[in-house]
PDB file of N, CA and C in Angstrom:
ATOM      1  N   UNK A   1     -49.142  12.509   1.375  1.00  0.00           N
ATOM      2  CA  UNK A   1     -48.212  12.506   2.484  1.00  0.00           C
ATOM      3  C   UNK A   1     -47.084  11.493   2.239  1.00  0.00           C
ATOM      4  N   UNK A   2     -47.450  10.331   1.685  1.00  0.00           N
ATOM      5  CA  UNK A   2     -46.428   9.310   1.421  1.00  0.00           C
ATOM      6  C   UNK A   2     -45.394   9.833   0.428  1.00  0.00           C
ATOM      7  N   UNK A   3     -45.842  10.577  -0.580  1.00  0.00           N
ATOM      8  CA  UNK A   3     -44.928  11.131  -1.581  1.00  0.00           C
ATOM      9  C   UNK A   3     -43.951  12.111  -0.923  1.00  0.00           C
ATOM     10  N   UNK A   4     -44.437  12.940  -0.012  1.00  0.00           N
ATOM     11  CA  UNK A   4     -43.589  13.888   0.703  1.00  0.00           C
ATOM     12  C   UNK A   4     -42.573  13.145   1.559  1.00  0.00           C
ATOM     13  N   UNK A   5     -42.995  12.120   2.256  1.00  0.00           N
ATOM     14  CA  UNK A   5     -42.099  11.325   3.090  1.00  0.00           C
ATOM     15  C   UNK A   5     -41.012  10.663   2.245  1.00  0.00           C
ATOM     16  N   UNK A   6     -41.393  10.133   1.101  1.00  0.00           N
ATOM     17  CA  UNK A   6     -40.438   9.505   0.202  1.00  0.00           C
ATOM     18  C   UNK A   6     -39.443  10.535  -0.323  1.00  0.00           C
ATOM     19  N   UNK A   7     -39.935  11.719  -0.682  1.00  0.00           N
ATOM     20  CA  UNK A   7     -39.057  12.782  -1.178  1.00  0.00           C
ATOM     21  C   UNK A   7     -38.057  13.209  -0.120  1.00  0.00           C
ATOM     22  N   UNK A   8     -38.505  13.334   1.109  1.00  0.00           N
ATOM     23  CA  UNK A   8     -37.615  13.714   2.210  1.00  0.00           C
ATOM     24  C   UNK A   8     -36.576  12.626   2.445  1.00  0.00           C
ATOM     25  N   UNK A   9     -36.996  11.379   2.413  1.00  0.00           N
ATOM     26  CA  UNK A   9     -36.059  10.261   2.600  1.00  0.00           C
ATOM     27  C   UNK A   9     -35.000  10.252   1.501  1.00  0.00           C
ATOM     28  N   UNK A  10     -35.422  10.498   0.267  1.00  0.00           N
ATOM     29  CA  UNK A  10     -34.466  10.544  -0.845  1.00  0.00           C
ATOM     30  C   UNK A  10     -33.490  11.699  -0.684  1.00  0.00           C
ATOM     31  N   UNK A  11     -33.999  12.844  -0.243  1.00  0.00           N
ATOM     32  CA  UNK A  11     -33.144  14.003  -0.032  1.00  0.00           C
ATOM     33  C   UNK A  11     -32.086  13.708   1.021  1.00  0.00           C
ATOM     34  N   UNK A  12     -32.474  13.119   2.138  1.00  0.00           N
ATOM     35  CA  UNK A  12     -31.512  12.783   3.182  1.00  0.00           C
ATOM     36  C   UNK A  12     -30.514  11.749   2.692  1.00  0.00           C
ATOM     37  N   UNK A  13     -30.969  10.833   1.882  1.00  0.00           N
ATOM     38  CA  UNK A  13     -30.053   9.852   1.302  1.00  0.00           C
ATOM     39  C   UNK A  13     -29.012  10.512   0.416  1.00  0.00           C
ATOM     40  N   UNK A  14     -29.430  11.470  -0.387  1.00  0.00           N
ATOM     41  CA  UNK A  14     -28.494  12.192  -1.245  1.00  0.00           C
ATOM     42  C   UNK A  14     -27.523  13.012  -0.425  1.00  0.00           C
ATOM     43  N   UNK A  15     -28.007  13.640   0.632  1.00  0.00           N
ATOM     44  CA  UNK A  15     -27.130  14.427   1.495  1.00  0.00           C
ATOM     45  C   UNK A  15     -26.095  13.541   2.174  1.00  0.00           C
ATOM     46  N   UNK A  16     -26.503  12.379   2.633  1.00  0.00           N
ATOM     47  CA  UNK A  16     -25.564  11.465   3.269  1.00  0.00           C
ATOM     48  C   UNK A  16     -24.514  10.976   2.279  1.00  0.00           C
ATOM     49  N   UNK A  17     -24.923  10.726   1.045  1.00  0.00           N
ATOM     50  CA  UNK A  17     -23.981  10.293   0.013  1.00  0.00           C
ATOM     51  C   UNK A  17     -22.973  11.394  -0.273  1.00  0.00           C
ATOM     52  N   UNK A  18     -23.439  12.628  -0.376  1.00  0.00           N
ATOM     53  CA  UNK A  18     -22.534  13.741  -0.655  1.00  0.00           C
ATOM     54  C   UNK A  18     -21.546  13.919   0.492  1.00  0.00           C
ATOM     55  N   UNK A  19     -21.980  13.706   1.702  1.00  0.00           N
ATOM     56  CA  UNK A  19     -21.115  13.865   2.862  1.00  0.00           C
ATOM     57  C   UNK A  19     -19.946  12.882   2.826  1.00  0.00           C
ATOM     58  N   UNK A  20     -20.185  11.687   2.402  1.00  0.00           N
ATOM     59  CA  UNK A  20     -19.139  10.661   2.390  1.00  0.00           C
ATOM     60  C   UNK A  20     -18.310  10.697   1.107  1.00  0.00           C
ATOM     61  N   UNK A  21     -18.662  11.562   0.183  1.00  0.00           N
ATOM     62  CA  UNK A  21     -18.050  11.569  -1.131  1.00  0.00           C
ATOM     63  C   UNK A  21     -16.535  11.766  -1.103  1.00  0.00           C
ATOM     64  N   UNK A  22     -16.030  12.619  -0.238  1.00  0.00           N
ATOM     65  CA  UNK A  22     -14.583  12.845  -0.210  1.00  0.00           C
ATOM     66  C   UNK A  22     -13.834  11.550   0.101  1.00  0.00           C
ATOM     67  N   UNK A  23     -14.413  10.712   0.939  1.00  0.00           N
ATOM     68  CA  UNK A  23     -13.791   9.430   1.258  1.00  0.00           C
ATOM     69  C   UNK A  23     -13.798   8.505   0.042  1.00  0.00           C
ATOM     70  N   UNK A  24     -14.870   8.560  -0.718  1.00  0.00           N
ATOM     71  CA  UNK A  24     -14.945   7.759  -1.941  1.00  0.00           C
ATOM     72  C   UNK A  24     -13.884   8.206  -2.952  1.00  0.00           C
ATOM     73  N   UNK A  25     -13.649   9.511  -3.029  1.00  0.00           N
ATOM     74  CA  UNK A  25     -12.623  10.022  -3.935  1.00  0.00           C
ATOM     75  C   UNK A  25     -11.238   9.519  -3.522  1.00  0.00           C
ATOM     76  N   UNK A  26     -10.960   9.499  -2.226  1.00  0.00           N
ATOM     77  CA  UNK A  26      -9.669   9.005  -1.751  1.00  0.00           C
ATOM     78  C   UNK A  26      -9.539   7.505  -1.986  1.00  0.00           C
ATOM     79  N   UNK A  27     -10.608   6.767  -1.748  1.00  0.00           N
ATOM     80  CA  UNK A  27     -10.576   5.321  -1.972  1.00  0.00           C
ATOM     81  C   UNK A  27     -10.343   5.013  -3.449  1.00  0.00           C
ATOM     82  N   UNK A  28     -10.971   5.776  -4.322  1.00  0.00           N
ATOM     83  CA  UNK A  28     -10.777   5.584  -5.754  1.00  0.00           C
ATOM     84  C   UNK A  28      -9.318   5.838  -6.129  1.00  0.00           C
ATOM     85  N   UNK A  29      -8.761   6.936  -5.636  1.00  0.00           N
ATOM     86  CA  UNK A  29      -7.356   7.248  -5.917  1.00  0.00           C
ATOM     87  C   UNK A  29      -6.450   6.134  -5.415  1.00  0.00           C
ATOM     88  N   UNK A  30      -6.753   5.650  -4.247  1.00  0.00           N
ATOM     89  CA  UNK A  30      -5.929   4.626  -3.619  1.00  0.00           C
ATOM     90  C   UNK A  30      -5.854   3.358  -4.457  1.00  0.00           C
ATOM     91  N   UNK A  31      -6.900   3.062  -5.188  1.00  0.00           N
ATOM     92  CA  UNK A  31      -6.963   1.834  -5.979  1.00  0.00           C
ATOM     93  C   UNK A  31      -6.588   2.035  -7.447  1.00  0.00           C
ATOM     94  N   UNK A  32      -6.483   3.280  -7.894  1.00  0.00           N
ATOM     95  CA  UNK A  32      -6.284   3.547  -9.317  1.00  0.00           C
ATOM     96  C   UNK A  32      -4.799   3.573  -9.687  1.00  0.00           C
ATOM     97  N   UNK A  33      -4.413   2.743 -10.622  1.00  0.00           N
ATOM     98  CA  UNK A  33      -3.025   2.699 -11.095  1.00  0.00           C
ATOM     99  C   UNK A  33      -2.910   3.202 -12.529  1.00  0.00           C
ATOM    100  N   UNK A  34      -3.930   3.896 -12.979  1.00  0.00           N
ATOM    101  CA  UNK A  34      -3.916   4.427 -14.342  1.00  0.00           C
ATOM    102  C   UNK A  34      -2.976   5.605 -14.488  1.00  0.00           C
ATOM    103  N   UNK A  35      -2.924   6.112 -15.688  1.00  0.00           N
ATOM    104  CA  UNK A  35      -2.024   7.218 -15.987  1.00  0.00           C
ATOM    105  C   UNK A  35      -2.494   8.513 -15.323  1.00  0.00           C
ATOM    106  N   UNK A  36      -1.545   9.377 -15.105  1.00  0.00           N
ATOM    107  CA  UNK A  36      -1.835  10.696 -14.545  1.00  0.00           C
ATOM    108  C   UNK A  36      -2.481  11.566 -15.602  1.00  0.00           C
ATOM    109  N   UNK A  37      -3.390  12.424 -15.170  1.00  0.00           N
ATOM    110  CA  UNK A  37      -3.942  13.433 -16.075  1.00  0.00           C
ATOM    111  C   UNK A  37      -3.148  14.729 -15.968  1.00  0.00           C
ATOM    112  N   UNK A  38      -2.248  14.794 -15.008  1.00  0.00           N
ATOM    113  CA  UNK A  38      -1.588  16.052 -14.682  1.00  0.00           C
ATOM    114  C   UNK A  38      -0.119  15.827 -14.351  1.00  0.00           C
ATOM    115  N   UNK A  39       0.642  15.383 -15.330  1.00  0.00           N
ATOM    116  CA  UNK A  39       2.046  15.061 -15.090  1.00  0.00           C
ATOM    117  C   UNK A  39       2.812  16.235 -14.483  1.00  0.00           C
ATOM    118  N   UNK A  40       2.551  17.446 -14.956  1.00  0.00           N
ATOM    119  CA  UNK A  40       3.261  18.618 -14.435  1.00  0.00           C
ATOM    120  C   UNK A  40       2.993  18.813 -12.945  1.00  0.00           C
ATOM    121  N   UNK A  41       1.787  18.519 -12.507  1.00  0.00           N
ATOM    122  CA  UNK A  41       1.453  18.632 -11.085  1.00  0.00           C
ATOM    123  C   UNK A  41       2.233  17.603 -10.281  1.00  0.00           C
ATOM    124  N   UNK A  42       2.282  16.377 -10.766  1.00  0.00           N
ATOM    125  CA  UNK A  42       3.037  15.326 -10.077  1.00  0.00           C
ATOM    126  C   UNK A  42       4.497  15.736  -9.929  1.00  0.00           C
ATOM    127  N   UNK A  43       5.072  16.260 -11.000  1.00  0.00           N
ATOM    128  CA  UNK A  43       6.477  16.688 -10.973  1.00  0.00           C
ATOM    129  C   UNK A  43       6.659  17.833  -9.988  1.00  0.00           C
ATOM    130  N   UNK A  44       5.748  18.809 -10.003  1.00  0.00           N
ATOM    131  CA  UNK A  44       5.899  19.996  -9.152  1.00  0.00           C
ATOM    132  C   UNK A  44       5.824  19.681  -7.658  1.00  0.00           C
ATOM    133  N   UNK A  45       5.140  18.597  -7.286  1.00  0.00           N
ATOM    134  CA  UNK A  45       5.068  18.241  -5.860  1.00  0.00           C
ATOM    135  C   UNK A  45       6.104  17.187  -5.476  1.00  0.00           C
ATOM    136  N   UNK A  46       6.942  16.804  -6.430  1.00  0.00           N
ATOM    137  CA  UNK A  46       7.989  15.828  -6.142  1.00  0.00           C
ATOM    138  C   UNK A  46       7.541  14.387  -6.238  1.00  0.00           C
ATOM    139  N   UNK A  47       6.531  14.141  -7.057  1.00  0.00           N
ATOM    140  CA  UNK A  47       6.005  12.788  -7.201  1.00  0.00           C
ATOM    141  C   UNK A  47       6.162  12.262  -8.623  1.00  0.00           C
ATOM    142  N   UNK A  48       7.228  12.660  -9.292  1.00  0.00           N
ATOM    143  CA  UNK A  48       7.455  12.200 -10.665  1.00  0.00           C
ATOM    144  C   UNK A  48       7.557  10.687 -10.733  1.00  0.00           C
ATOM    145  N   UNK A  49       8.012  10.056  -9.667  1.00  0.00           N
ATOM    146  CA  UNK A  49       8.128   8.593  -9.665  1.00  0.00           C
ATOM    147  C   UNK A  49       6.765   7.913  -9.772  1.00  0.00           C
ATOM    148  N   UNK A  50       5.704   8.637  -9.517  1.00  0.00           N
ATOM    149  CA  UNK A  50       4.358   8.079  -9.655  1.00  0.00           C
ATOM    150  C   UNK A  50       3.890   8.097 -11.109  1.00  0.00           C
ATOM    151  N   UNK A  51       4.610   8.804 -11.956  1.00  0.00           N
ATOM    152  CA  UNK A  51       4.278   8.859 -13.380  1.00  0.00           C
ATOM    153  C   UNK A  51       5.037   7.774 -14.120  1.00  0.00           C
ATOM    154  N   UNK A  52       6.318   7.689 -13.842  1.00  0.00           N
ATOM    155  CA  UNK A  52       7.212   6.816 -14.583  1.00  0.00           C
ATOM    156  C   UNK A  52       7.357   5.478 -13.885  1.00  0.00           C
ATOM    157  N   UNK A  53       7.436   4.408 -14.647  1.00  0.00           N
ATOM    158  CA  UNK A  53       7.595   3.082 -14.042  1.00  0.00           C
ATOM    159  C   UNK A  53       8.834   3.014 -13.157  1.00  0.00           C
ATOM    160  N   UNK A  54       8.674   2.295 -12.084  1.00  0.00           N
ATOM    161  CA  UNK A  54       9.817   2.107 -11.204  1.00  0.00           C
ATOM    162  C   UNK A  54       9.408   1.788  -9.793  1.00  0.00           C
ATOM    163  N   UNK A  55       9.463   0.554  -9.424  1.00  0.00           N
ATOM    164  CA  UNK A  55       9.288   0.114  -8.046  1.00  0.00           C
ATOM    165  C   UNK A  55       8.006   0.530  -7.354  1.00  0.00           C
ATOM    166  N   UNK A  56       7.150  -0.383  -7.128  1.00  0.00           N
ATOM    167  CA  UNK A  56       5.964  -0.132  -6.318  1.00  0.00           C
ATOM    168  C   UNK A  56       4.770   0.332  -7.126  1.00  0.00           C
ATOM    169  N   UNK A  57       3.854   0.943  -6.421  1.00  0.00           N
ATOM    170  CA  UNK A  57       2.592   1.379  -7.012  1.00  0.00           C
ATOM    171  C   UNK A  57       2.821   2.521  -7.999  1.00  0.00           C
ATOM    172  N   UNK A  58       1.972   2.598  -8.981  1.00  0.00           N
ATOM    173  CA  UNK A  58       2.056   3.650  -9.989  1.00  0.00           C
ATOM    174  C   UNK A  58       0.771   4.464 -10.001  1.00  0.00           C
ATOM    175  N   UNK A  59       0.834   5.589 -10.667  1.00  0.00           N
ATOM    176  CA  UNK A  59      -0.353   6.404 -10.867  1.00  0.00           C
ATOM    177  C   UNK A  59      -0.879   7.016  -9.583  1.00  0.00           C
ATOM    178  N   UNK A  60      -2.173   7.124  -9.529  1.00  0.00           N
ATOM    179  CA  UNK A  60      -2.827   7.781  -8.399  1.00  0.00           C
ATOM    180  C   UNK A  60      -2.610   7.016  -7.094  1.00  0.00           C
ATOM    181  N   UNK A  61      -2.576   5.700  -7.173  1.00  0.00           N
ATOM    182  CA  UNK A  61      -2.356   4.918  -5.950  1.00  0.00           C
ATOM    183  C   UNK A  61      -0.993   5.227  -5.352  1.00  0.00           C
ATOM    184  N   UNK A  62      -0.027   5.547  -6.188  1.00  0.00           N
ATOM    185  CA  UNK A  62       1.303   5.934  -5.730  1.00  0.00           C
ATOM    186  C   UNK A  62       1.224   7.241  -4.934  1.00  0.00           C
ATOM    187  N   UNK A  63       0.439   8.196  -5.431  1.00  0.00           N
ATOM    188  CA  UNK A  63       0.270   9.459  -4.708  1.00  0.00           C
ATOM    189  C   UNK A  63      -0.323   9.217  -3.327  1.00  0.00           C
ATOM    190  N   UNK A  64      -1.314   8.353  -3.252  1.00  0.00           N
ATOM    191  CA  UNK A  64      -1.955   8.077  -1.966  1.00  0.00           C
ATOM    192  C   UNK A  64      -0.994   7.349  -1.035  1.00  0.00           C
ATOM    193  N   UNK A  65      -0.185   6.439  -1.569  1.00  0.00           N
ATOM    194  CA  UNK A  65       0.815   5.762  -0.743  1.00  0.00           C
ATOM    195  C   UNK A  65       1.794   6.771  -0.165  1.00  0.00           C
ATOM    196  N   UNK A  66       2.213   7.727  -0.968  1.00  0.00           N
ATOM    197  CA  UNK A  66       3.113   8.759  -0.464  1.00  0.00           C
ATOM    198  C   UNK A  66       2.405   9.665   0.533  1.00  0.00           C
ATOM    199  N   UNK A  67       1.150   9.984   0.265  1.00  0.00           N
ATOM    200  CA  UNK A  67       0.365  10.814   1.186  1.00  0.00           C
ATOM    201  C   UNK A  67       0.206  10.111   2.533  1.00  0.00           C
ATOM    202  N   UNK A  68       0.027   8.794   2.517  1.00  0.00           N
ATOM    203  CA  UNK A  68      -0.079   8.029   3.773  1.00  0.00           C
ATOM    204  C   UNK A  68       1.201   8.187   4.602  1.00  0.00           C
ATOM    205  N   UNK A  69       2.345   8.054   3.942  1.00  0.00           N
ATOM    206  CA  UNK A  69       3.614   8.219   4.647  1.00  0.00           C
ATOM    207  C   UNK A  69       3.767   9.608   5.235  1.00  0.00           C
ATOM    208  N   UNK A  70       3.371  10.611   4.480  1.00  0.00           N
ATOM    209  CA  UNK A  70       3.436  11.994   4.966  1.00  0.00           C
ATOM    210  C   UNK A  70       2.488  12.198   6.151  1.00  0.00           C
ATOM    211  N   UNK A  71       1.303  11.655   6.056  1.00  0.00           N
ATOM    212  CA  UNK A  71       0.330  11.781   7.150  1.00  0.00           C
ATOM    213  C   UNK A  71       0.848  11.098   8.410  1.00  0.00           C
ATOM    214  N   UNK A  72       1.448   9.933   8.249  1.00  0.00           N
ATOM    215  CA  UNK A  72       1.994   9.215   9.402  1.00  0.00           C
ATOM    216  C   UNK A  72       3.148   9.982  10.035  1.00  0.00           C
ATOM    217  N   UNK A  73       3.850  10.786   9.235  1.00  0.00           N
ATOM    218  CA  UNK A  73       4.950  11.602   9.741  1.00  0.00           C
ATOM    219  C   UNK A  73       4.456  12.945  10.290  1.00  0.00           C
ATOM    220  N   UNK A  74       3.136  13.135  10.292  1.00  0.00           N
ATOM    221  CA  UNK A  74       2.563  14.363  10.832  1.00  0.00           C
ATOM    222  C   UNK A  74       2.594  15.539   9.869  1.00  0.00           C
ATOM    223  N   UNK A  75       2.838  15.292   8.608  1.00  0.00           N
ATOM    224  CA  UNK A  75       2.904  16.355   7.603  1.00  0.00           C
ATOM    225  C   UNK A  75       1.594  16.422   6.813  1.00  0.00           C
ATOM    226  N   UNK A  76       0.526  16.741   7.529  1.00  0.00           N
ATOM    227  CA  UNK A  76      -0.815  16.706   6.936  1.00  0.00           C
ATOM    228  C   UNK A  76      -0.992  17.678   5.786  1.00  0.00           C
ATOM    229  N   UNK A  77      -0.432  18.868   5.888  1.00  0.00           N
ATOM    230  CA  UNK A  77      -0.638  19.828   4.798  1.00  0.00           C
ATOM    231  C   UNK A  77       0.041  19.353   3.510  1.00  0.00           C
ATOM    232  N   UNK A  78       1.208  18.724   3.632  1.00  0.00           N
ATOM    233  CA  UNK A  78       1.887  18.189   2.453  1.00  0.00           C
ATOM    234  C   UNK A  78       1.120  16.976   1.926  1.00  0.00           C
ATOM    235  N   UNK A  79       0.644  16.130   2.819  1.00  0.00           N
ATOM    236  CA  UNK A  79      -0.160  14.973   2.411  1.00  0.00           C
ATOM    237  C   UNK A  79      -1.389  15.429   1.639  1.00  0.00           C
ATOM    238  N   UNK A  80      -1.986  16.515   2.087  1.00  0.00           N
ATOM    239  CA  UNK A  80      -3.171  17.051   1.422  1.00  0.00           C
ATOM    240  C   UNK A  80      -2.839  17.471  -0.010  1.00  0.00           C
ATOM    241  N   UNK A  81      -1.657  18.008  -0.236  1.00  0.00           N
ATOM    242  CA  UNK A  81      -1.222  18.391  -1.578  1.00  0.00           C
ATOM    243  C   UNK A  81      -1.186  17.173  -2.500  1.00  0.00           C
ATOM    244  N   UNK A  82      -0.699  16.045  -1.980  1.00  0.00           N
ATOM    245  CA  UNK A  82      -0.644  14.818  -2.771  1.00  0.00           C
ATOM    246  C   UNK A  82      -2.044  14.294  -3.064  1.00  0.00           C
ATOM    247  N   UNK A  83      -2.909  14.349  -2.075  1.00  0.00           N
ATOM    248  CA  UNK A  83      -4.286  13.883  -2.259  1.00  0.00           C
ATOM    249  C   UNK A  83      -4.999  14.743  -3.307  1.00  0.00           C
ATOM    250  N   UNK A  84      -4.834  16.050  -3.221  1.00  0.00           N
ATOM    251  CA  UNK A  84      -5.471  16.936  -4.187  1.00  0.00           C
ATOM    252  C   UNK A  84      -4.912  16.719  -5.595  1.00  0.00           C
ATOM    253  N   UNK A  85      -3.627  16.410  -5.691  1.00  0.00           N
ATOM    254  CA  UNK A  85      -3.026  16.125  -6.997  1.00  0.00           C
ATOM    255  C   UNK A  85      -3.660  14.890  -7.632  1.00  0.00           C
ATOM    256  N   UNK A  86      -4.042  13.954  -6.806  1.00  0.00           N
ATOM    257  CA  UNK A  86      -4.681  12.742  -7.308  1.00  0.00           C
ATOM    258  C   UNK A  86      -5.982  13.071  -8.040  1.00  0.00           C
ATOM    259  N   UNK A  87      -6.660  14.107  -7.602  1.00  0.00           N
ATOM    260  CA  UNK A  87      -7.927  14.501  -8.213  1.00  0.00           C
ATOM    261  C   UNK A  87      -7.762  15.764  -9.067  1.00  0.00           C
ATOM    262  N   UNK A  88      -6.577  15.954  -9.638  1.00  0.00           N
ATOM    263  CA  UNK A  88      -6.307  17.162 -10.427  1.00  0.00           C
ATOM    264  C   UNK A  88      -7.254  17.311 -11.616  1.00  0.00           C
ATOM    265  N   UNK A  89      -7.820  16.237 -12.053  1.00  0.00           N
ATOM    266  CA  UNK A  89      -8.739  16.234 -13.194  1.00  0.00           C
ATOM    267  C   UNK A  89     -10.186  16.494 -12.793  1.00  0.00           C
ATOM    268  N   UNK A  90     -10.452  16.586 -11.472  1.00  0.00           N
ATOM    269  CA  UNK A  90     -11.824  16.672 -10.978  1.00  0.00           C
ATOM    270  C   UNK A  90     -11.927  17.760  -9.906  1.00  0.00           C
ATOM    271  N   UNK A  91     -12.235  18.962 -10.351  1.00  0.00           N
ATOM    272  CA  UNK A  91     -12.324  20.103  -9.432  1.00  0.00           C
ATOM    273  C   UNK A  91     -13.371  19.927  -8.338  1.00  0.00           C
ATOM    274  N   UNK A  92     -14.480  19.290  -8.657  1.00  0.00           N
ATOM    275  CA  UNK A  92     -15.524  19.063  -7.645  1.00  0.00           C
ATOM    276  C   UNK A  92     -15.010  18.134  -6.547  1.00  0.00           C
ATOM    277  N   UNK A  93     -14.276  17.108  -6.934  1.00  0.00           N
ATOM    278  CA  UNK A  93     -13.705  16.187  -5.948  1.00  0.00           C
ATOM    279  C   UNK A  93     -12.689  16.919  -5.074  1.00  0.00           C
ATOM    280  N   UNK A  94     -11.865  17.747  -5.696  1.00  0.00           N
ATOM    281  CA  UNK A  94     -10.893  18.517  -4.918  1.00  0.00           C
ATOM    282  C   UNK A  94     -11.600  19.397  -3.895  1.00  0.00           C
ATOM    283  N   UNK A  95     -12.684  20.031  -4.297  1.00  0.00           N
ATOM    284  CA  UNK A  95     -13.421  20.894  -3.378  1.00  0.00           C
ATOM    285  C   UNK A  95     -13.986  20.098  -2.201  1.00  0.00           C
ATOM    286  N   UNK A  96     -14.526  18.932  -2.470  1.00  0.00           N
ATOM    287  CA  UNK A  96     -15.067  18.096  -1.389  1.00  0.00           C
ATOM    288  C   UNK A  96     -13.960  17.666  -0.431  1.00  0.00           C
ATOM    289  N   UNK A  97     -12.801  17.366  -0.964  1.00  0.00           N
ATOM    290  CA  UNK A  97     -11.659  16.980  -0.128  1.00  0.00           C
ATOM    291  C   UNK A  97     -11.210  18.171   0.712  1.00  0.00           C
ATOM    292  N   UNK A  98     -11.126  19.354   0.090  1.00  0.00           N
ATOM    293  CA  UNK A  98     -10.757  20.568   0.840  1.00  0.00           C
ATOM    294  C   UNK A  98     -11.756  20.834   1.970  1.00  0.00           C
ATOM    295  N   UNK A  99     -13.031  20.654   1.680  1.00  0.00           N
ATOM    296  CA  UNK A  99     -14.057  20.893   2.693  1.00  0.00           C
ATOM    297  C   UNK A  99     -13.932  19.918   3.861  1.00  0.00           C
ATOM    298  N   UNK A 100     -13.497  18.706   3.592  1.00  0.00           N
ATOM    299  CA  UNK A 100     -13.290  17.739   4.682  1.00  0.00           C
ATOM    300  C   UNK A 100     -12.173  18.223   5.592  1.00  0.00           C
ATOM    301  N   UNK A 101     -11.161  18.834   5.021  1.00  0.00           N
ATOM    302  CA  UNK A 101     -10.058  19.392   5.792  1.00  0.00           C
ATOM    303  C   UNK A 101      -8.894  18.433   5.964  1.00  0.00           C
ATOM    304  N   UNK A 102      -7.721  19.012   6.138  1.00  0.00           N
ATOM    305  CA  UNK A 102      -6.485  18.228   6.225  1.00  0.00           C
ATOM    306  C   UNK A 102      -6.503  17.242   7.385  1.00  0.00           C
ATOM    307  N   UNK A 103      -7.027  17.631   8.527  1.00  0.00           N
ATOM    308  CA  UNK A 103      -7.014  16.725   9.684  1.00  0.00           C
ATOM    309  C   UNK A 103      -7.861  15.485   9.439  1.00  0.00           C
ATOM    310  N   UNK A 104      -9.029  15.683   8.870  1.00  0.00           N
ATOM    311  CA  UNK A 104      -9.907  14.544   8.593  1.00  0.00           C
ATOM    312  C   UNK A 104      -9.312  13.658   7.497  1.00  0.00           C
ATOM    313  N   UNK A 105      -8.728  14.259   6.488  1.00  0.00           N
ATOM    314  CA  UNK A 105      -8.103  13.514   5.412  1.00  0.00           C
ATOM    315  C   UNK A 105      -6.910  12.721   5.961  1.00  0.00           C
ATOM    316  N   UNK A 106      -6.099  13.340   6.799  1.00  0.00           N
ATOM    317  CA  UNK A 106      -4.950  12.646   7.379  1.00  0.00           C
ATOM    318  C   UNK A 106      -5.385  11.494   8.290  1.00  0.00           C
ATOM    319  N   UNK A 107      -6.471  11.692   8.974  1.00  0.00           N
ATOM    320  CA  UNK A 107      -7.007  10.609   9.797  1.00  0.00           C
ATOM    321  C   UNK A 107      -7.388   9.429   8.907  1.00  0.00           C
ATOM    322  N   UNK A 108      -8.028   9.701   7.775  1.00  0.00           N
ATOM    323  CA  UNK A 108      -8.400   8.649   6.821  1.00  0.00           C
ATOM    324  C   UNK A 108      -7.147   7.952   6.296  1.00  0.00           C
ATOM    325  N   UNK A 109      -6.125   8.729   5.985  1.00  0.00           N
ATOM    326  CA  UNK A 109      -4.894   8.170   5.431  1.00  0.00           C
ATOM    327  C   UNK A 109      -4.154   7.267   6.427  1.00  0.00           C
ATOM    328  N   UNK A 110      -4.275   7.562   7.692  1.00  0.00           N
ATOM    329  CA  UNK A 110      -3.520   6.800   8.698  1.00  0.00           C
ATOM    330  C   UNK A 110      -4.318   5.649   9.309  1.00  0.00           C
ATOM    331  N   UNK A 111      -5.549   5.509   8.902  1.00  0.00           N
ATOM    332  CA  UNK A 111      -6.357   4.385   9.428  1.00  0.00           C
ATOM    333  C   UNK A 111      -6.440   3.266   8.442  1.00  0.00           C
TER     334      UNK A 111
END
């Protein structure tokens, strides 16, 4: 019985971790100033300045900074495009972010 209880507890722990995962992906992007994996995507959404040096945050953190501004302006669907671009190299992360939805993501961006 103890083994079953432990297994159930571990399962719930994994489920809770997966639920919060989209937030972890956004937090990671917010702190990451490394190079883009998808320069063409950055250019196509109008975020070329996040690739090339020039004033302020660079890389993925630049995308999140721009997404925050868009979210604050009520442009959640556009903000979502920037957030998804940040995870262009990670399809699973993009899916988790999509599942959270634009409203929840925008709420995270504005808090």
